[in-house]
């Protein structure tokens, strides 16, 4: 049995919390510059960036650019972390002597990679599209998909 060192585990947890706080702070800060007028009803599963920008009376271009940049950065770092982790996992699997152990490990990895792909693929399609390409109905489906199913 090979396990991750507690130092690496703590660094990954701390990095996740720091990234989440920085991400939320950036988007909240930029949301404060938006003005809203008229009916402030969001036709969406829950309140998130793109539907909020759609009801803003202020030009949300800077918000959309920041969302694109931050989402791109988050996807890059997350995918590199997953890729690095799976490189180590694959190296460990190749050293296993038991065929049953290799099979069990590979099936667990496949399930996890499927969930990661579904979550990040749908989130990326939601947040990486320009506002001109957003469809409220499609955005609701994508939002439910990455929130509820994964």
C-alpha atoms as a PDB file:
ATOM      1  CA  UNK A   1       0.000   0.000   0.000  1.00  0.00           C
ATOM      2  CA  UNK A   2       1.313   3.411  -0.971  1.00  0.00           C
ATOM      3  CA  UNK A   3      -0.200   6.536   0.479  1.00  0.00           C
ATOM      4  CA  UNK A   4       0.384  10.236   0.075  1.00  0.00           C
ATOM      5  CA  UNK A   5       2.550  11.926   2.670  1.00  0.00           C
ATOM      6  CA  UNK A   6       0.662  14.052   5.166  1.00  0.00           C
ATOM      7  CA  UNK A   7       2.727  17.095   4.096  1.00  0.00           C
ATOM      8  CA  UNK A   8       1.652  16.767   0.443  1.00  0.00           C
ATOM      9  CA  UNK A   9      -1.943  16.147   1.531  1.00  0.00           C
ATOM     10  CA  UNK A  10      -1.912  19.269   3.732  1.00  0.00           C
ATOM     11  CA  UNK A  11      -0.411  21.340   0.888  1.00  0.00           C
ATOM     12  CA  UNK A  12      -3.127  20.171  -1.517  1.00  0.00           C
ATOM     13  CA  UNK A  13      -5.875  20.978   0.991  1.00  0.00           C
ATOM     14  CA  UNK A  14      -4.379  24.390   1.802  1.00  0.00           C
ATOM     15  CA  UNK A  15      -3.929  25.138  -1.897  1.00  0.00           C
ATOM     16  CA  UNK A  16      -7.564  24.243  -2.574  1.00  0.00           C
ATOM     17  CA  UNK A  17      -8.819  26.519   0.199  1.00  0.00           C
ATOM     18  CA  UNK A  18      -6.576  29.403  -0.864  1.00  0.00           C
ATOM     19  CA  UNK A  19      -7.597  29.037  -4.517  1.00  0.00           C
ATOM     20  CA  UNK A  20     -11.287  28.972  -3.539  1.00  0.00           C
ATOM     21  CA  UNK A  21     -10.977  32.083  -1.380  1.00  0.00           C
ATOM     22  CA  UNK A  22      -9.020  33.990  -4.045  1.00  0.00           C
ATOM     23  CA  UNK A  23     -11.498  32.926  -6.744  1.00  0.00           C
ATOM     24  CA  UNK A  24     -14.529  33.995  -4.687  1.00  0.00           C
ATOM     25  CA  UNK A  25     -12.894  37.283  -3.673  1.00  0.00           C
ATOM     26  CA  UNK A  26     -12.068  38.209  -7.280  1.00  0.00           C
ATOM     27  CA  UNK A  27     -15.576  37.516  -8.577  1.00  0.00           C
ATOM     28  CA  UNK A  28     -17.313  39.122  -5.593  1.00  0.00           C
ATOM     29  CA  UNK A  29     -15.153  42.226  -5.897  1.00  0.00           C
ATOM     30  CA  UNK A  30     -15.930  42.597  -9.582  1.00  0.00           C
ATOM     31  CA  UNK A  31     -19.647  41.914  -8.964  1.00  0.00           C
ATOM     32  CA  UNK A  32     -19.762  44.912  -6.595  1.00  0.00           C
ATOM     33  CA  UNK A  33     -19.110  47.232  -9.533  1.00  0.00           C
ATOM     34  CA  UNK A  34     -22.288  46.120 -11.325  1.00  0.00           C
ATOM     35  CA  UNK A  35     -25.528  48.108 -11.146  1.00  0.00           C
ATOM     36  CA  UNK A  36     -28.947  46.536 -11.479  1.00  0.00           C
ATOM     37  CA  UNK A  37     -32.189  48.126 -12.645  1.00  0.00           C
ATOM     38  CA  UNK A  38     -35.545  46.782 -13.681  1.00  0.00           C
ATOM     39  CA  UNK A  39     -36.783  43.337 -12.707  1.00  0.00           C
ATOM     40  CA  UNK A  40     -33.953  41.640 -10.843  1.00  0.00           C
ATOM     41  CA  UNK A  41     -35.125  38.112 -11.499  1.00  0.00           C
ATOM     42  CA  UNK A  42     -32.583  35.540 -12.555  1.00  0.00           C
ATOM     43  CA  UNK A  43     -34.013  32.779 -14.720  1.00  0.00           C
ATOM     44  CA  UNK A  44     -31.529  30.186 -13.587  1.00  0.00           C
ATOM     45  CA  UNK A  45     -30.959  27.221 -11.261  1.00  0.00           C
ATOM     46  CA  UNK A  46     -29.040  29.434  -8.820  1.00  0.00           C
ATOM     47  CA  UNK A  47     -27.258  32.789  -8.809  1.00  0.00           C
ATOM     48  CA  UNK A  48     -23.925  32.620 -10.620  1.00  0.00           C
ATOM     49  CA  UNK A  49     -21.873  34.906 -12.834  1.00  0.00           C
ATOM     50  CA  UNK A  50     -23.265  34.751 -16.380  1.00  0.00           C
ATOM     51  CA  UNK A  51     -26.983  35.045 -15.441  1.00  0.00           C
ATOM     52  CA  UNK A  52     -26.108  37.848 -13.016  1.00  0.00           C
ATOM     53  CA  UNK A  53     -24.229  39.714 -15.748  1.00  0.00           C
ATOM     54  CA  UNK A  54     -27.251  39.339 -18.050  1.00  0.00           C
ATOM     55  CA  UNK A  55     -29.507  41.425 -15.747  1.00  0.00           C
ATOM     56  CA  UNK A  56     -26.884  44.085 -15.053  1.00  0.00           C
ATOM     57  CA  UNK A  57     -27.352  47.622 -16.356  1.00  0.00           C
ATOM     58  CA  UNK A  58     -23.569  48.059 -16.242  1.00  0.00           C
ATOM     59  CA  UNK A  59     -21.301  46.731 -18.984  1.00  0.00           C
ATOM     60  CA  UNK A  60     -20.123  43.367 -17.578  1.00  0.00           C
ATOM     61  CA  UNK A  61     -17.252  42.928 -20.054  1.00  0.00           C
ATOM     62  CA  UNK A  62     -14.536  43.180 -17.385  1.00  0.00           C
ATOM     63  CA  UNK A  63     -16.424  40.621 -15.270  1.00  0.00           C
ATOM     64  CA  UNK A  64     -16.634  38.254 -18.228  1.00  0.00           C
ATOM     65  CA  UNK A  65     -12.941  38.692 -19.026  1.00  0.00           C
ATOM     66  CA  UNK A  66     -11.996  38.043 -15.395  1.00  0.00           C
ATOM     67  CA  UNK A  67     -14.226  34.971 -15.320  1.00  0.00           C
ATOM     68  CA  UNK A  68     -12.559  33.666 -18.472  1.00  0.00           C
ATOM     69  CA  UNK A  69      -9.051  34.322 -17.096  1.00  0.00           C
ATOM     70  CA  UNK A  70      -9.715  32.877 -13.631  1.00  0.00           C
ATOM     71  CA  UNK A  71     -11.572  29.830 -14.974  1.00  0.00           C
ATOM     72  CA  UNK A  72      -8.786  29.233 -17.490  1.00  0.00           C
ATOM     73  CA  UNK A  73      -6.148  29.455 -14.766  1.00  0.00           C
ATOM     74  CA  UNK A  74      -8.137  27.185 -12.433  1.00  0.00           C
ATOM     75  CA  UNK A  75      -8.663  24.615 -15.187  1.00  0.00           C
ATOM     76  CA  UNK A  76      -4.981  24.665 -16.101  1.00  0.00           C
ATOM     77  CA  UNK A  77      -3.759  24.203 -12.528  1.00  0.00           C
ATOM     78  CA  UNK A  78      -6.402  21.598 -11.692  1.00  0.00           C
ATOM     79  CA  UNK A  79      -5.747  19.558 -14.818  1.00  0.00           C
ATOM     80  CA  UNK A  80      -1.982  19.689 -14.269  1.00  0.00           C
ATOM     81  CA  UNK A  81      -2.484  18.507 -10.676  1.00  0.00           C
ATOM     82  CA  UNK A  82      -4.739  15.643 -11.797  1.00  0.00           C
ATOM     83  CA  UNK A  83      -2.285  14.728 -14.569  1.00  0.00           C
ATOM     84  CA  UNK A  84       0.646  14.700 -12.141  1.00  0.00           C
ATOM     85  CA  UNK A  85      -1.335  12.625  -9.631  1.00  0.00           C
ATOM     86  CA  UNK A  86      -2.311  10.093 -12.265  1.00  0.00           C
ATOM     87  CA  UNK A  87       1.283   9.869 -13.482  1.00  0.00           C
ATOM     88  CA  UNK A  88       2.279   8.749  -9.990  1.00  0.00           C
ATOM     89  CA  UNK A  89      -0.724   6.426  -9.776  1.00  0.00           C
ATOM     90  CA  UNK A  90       0.056   4.855 -13.153  1.00  0.00           C
ATOM     91  CA  UNK A  91       3.687   4.318 -12.130  1.00  0.00           C
ATOM     92  CA  UNK A  92       2.456   2.597  -8.966  1.00  0.00           C
ATOM     93  CA  UNK A  93      -0.023   0.446 -10.912  1.00  0.00           C
ATOM     94  CA  UNK A  94       2.706  -0.698 -13.278  1.00  0.00           C
ATOM     95  CA  UNK A  95       4.759  -1.919 -10.295  1.00  0.00           C
ATOM     96  CA  UNK A  96       1.855  -3.968  -8.888  1.00  0.00           C
ATOM     97  CA  UNK A  97       2.268  -7.725  -9.041  1.00  0.00           C
ATOM     98  CA  UNK A  98      -1.406  -8.622  -8.562  1.00  0.00           C
ATOM     99  CA  UNK A  99      -3.613  -8.505 -11.653  1.00  0.00           C
ATOM    100  CA  UNK A 100      -6.689  -8.140  -9.421  1.00  0.00           C
ATOM    101  CA  UNK A 101      -5.096  -5.164  -7.667  1.00  0.00           C
ATOM    102  CA  UNK A 102      -4.254  -3.519 -10.996  1.00  0.00           C
ATOM    103  CA  UNK A 103      -7.808  -4.079 -12.235  1.00  0.00           C
ATOM    104  CA  UNK A 104      -9.395  -2.659  -9.071  1.00  0.00           C
ATOM    105  CA  UNK A 105      -7.101   0.371  -9.090  1.00  0.00           C
ATOM    106  CA  UNK A 106      -7.649   1.062 -12.795  1.00  0.00           C
ATOM    107  CA  UNK A 107     -11.440   0.811 -12.441  1.00  0.00           C
ATOM    108  CA  UNK A 108     -11.376   3.258  -9.507  1.00  0.00           C
ATOM    109  CA  UNK A 109      -9.166   5.623 -11.507  1.00  0.00           C
ATOM    110  CA  UNK A 110     -11.458   5.385 -14.534  1.00  0.00           C
ATOM    111  CA  UNK A 111     -14.483   6.259 -12.391  1.00  0.00           C
ATOM    112  CA  UNK A 112     -12.685   9.223 -10.862  1.00  0.00           C
ATOM    113  CA  UNK A 113     -11.431  10.489 -14.236  1.00  0.00           C
ATOM    114  CA  UNK A 114     -14.965  10.229 -15.627  1.00  0.00           C
ATOM    115  CA  UNK A 115     -16.324  12.348 -12.751  1.00  0.00           C
ATOM    116  CA  UNK A 116     -13.491  14.888 -13.110  1.00  0.00           C
ATOM    117  CA  UNK A 117     -14.057  15.125 -16.870  1.00  0.00           C
ATOM    118  CA  UNK A 118     -17.827  15.578 -16.478  1.00  0.00           C
ATOM    119  CA  UNK A 119     -17.428  18.235 -13.769  1.00  0.00           C
ATOM    120  CA  UNK A 120     -14.661  20.294 -15.331  1.00  0.00           C
ATOM    121  CA  UNK A 121     -15.916  19.831 -18.883  1.00  0.00           C
ATOM    122  CA  UNK A 122     -19.384  21.131 -18.053  1.00  0.00           C
ATOM    123  CA  UNK A 123     -18.051  23.912 -15.794  1.00  0.00           C
ATOM    124  CA  UNK A 124     -15.604  25.003 -18.496  1.00  0.00           C
ATOM    125  CA  UNK A 125     -18.359  25.072 -21.105  1.00  0.00           C
ATOM    126  CA  UNK A 126     -20.463  27.210 -18.762  1.00  0.00           C
ATOM    127  CA  UNK A 127     -17.838  29.776 -17.805  1.00  0.00           C
ATOM    128  CA  UNK A 128     -15.527  29.870 -20.819  1.00  0.00           C
ATOM    129  CA  UNK A 129     -18.077  30.883 -23.443  1.00  0.00           C
ATOM    130  CA  UNK A 130     -18.515  34.521 -24.439  1.00  0.00           C
ATOM    131  CA  UNK A 131     -21.792  36.089 -23.291  1.00  0.00           C
ATOM    132  CA  UNK A 132     -23.072  36.196 -26.876  1.00  0.00           C
ATOM    133  CA  UNK A 133     -23.033  32.383 -26.917  1.00  0.00           C
ATOM    134  CA  UNK A 134     -24.953  31.881 -23.655  1.00  0.00           C
ATOM    135  CA  UNK A 135     -28.401  30.323 -23.755  1.00  0.00           C
ATOM    136  CA  UNK A 136     -30.413  30.511 -20.523  1.00  0.00           C
ATOM    137  CA  UNK A 137     -31.935  27.071 -20.957  1.00  0.00           C
ATOM    138  CA  UNK A 138     -28.643  25.398 -21.866  1.00  0.00           C
ATOM    139  CA  UNK A 139     -26.883  27.203 -19.000  1.00  0.00           C
ATOM    140  CA  UNK A 140     -29.487  25.890 -16.546  1.00  0.00           C
ATOM    141  CA  UNK A 141     -28.985  22.322 -17.749  1.00  0.00           C
ATOM    142  CA  UNK A 142     -25.189  22.632 -17.562  1.00  0.00           C
ATOM    143  CA  UNK A 143     -25.409  24.191 -14.106  1.00  0.00           C
ATOM    144  CA  UNK A 144     -27.605  21.388 -12.775  1.00  0.00           C
ATOM    145  CA  UNK A 145     -25.334  18.849 -14.442  1.00  0.00           C
ATOM    146  CA  UNK A 146     -22.094  19.965 -12.804  1.00  0.00           C
ATOM    147  CA  UNK A 147     -23.739  20.838  -9.484  1.00  0.00           C
ATOM    148  CA  UNK A 148     -26.005  17.844  -8.907  1.00  0.00           C
ATOM    149  CA  UNK A 149     -24.652  14.976 -10.984  1.00  0.00           C
ATOM    150  CA  UNK A 150     -20.981  15.299 -10.157  1.00  0.00           C
END
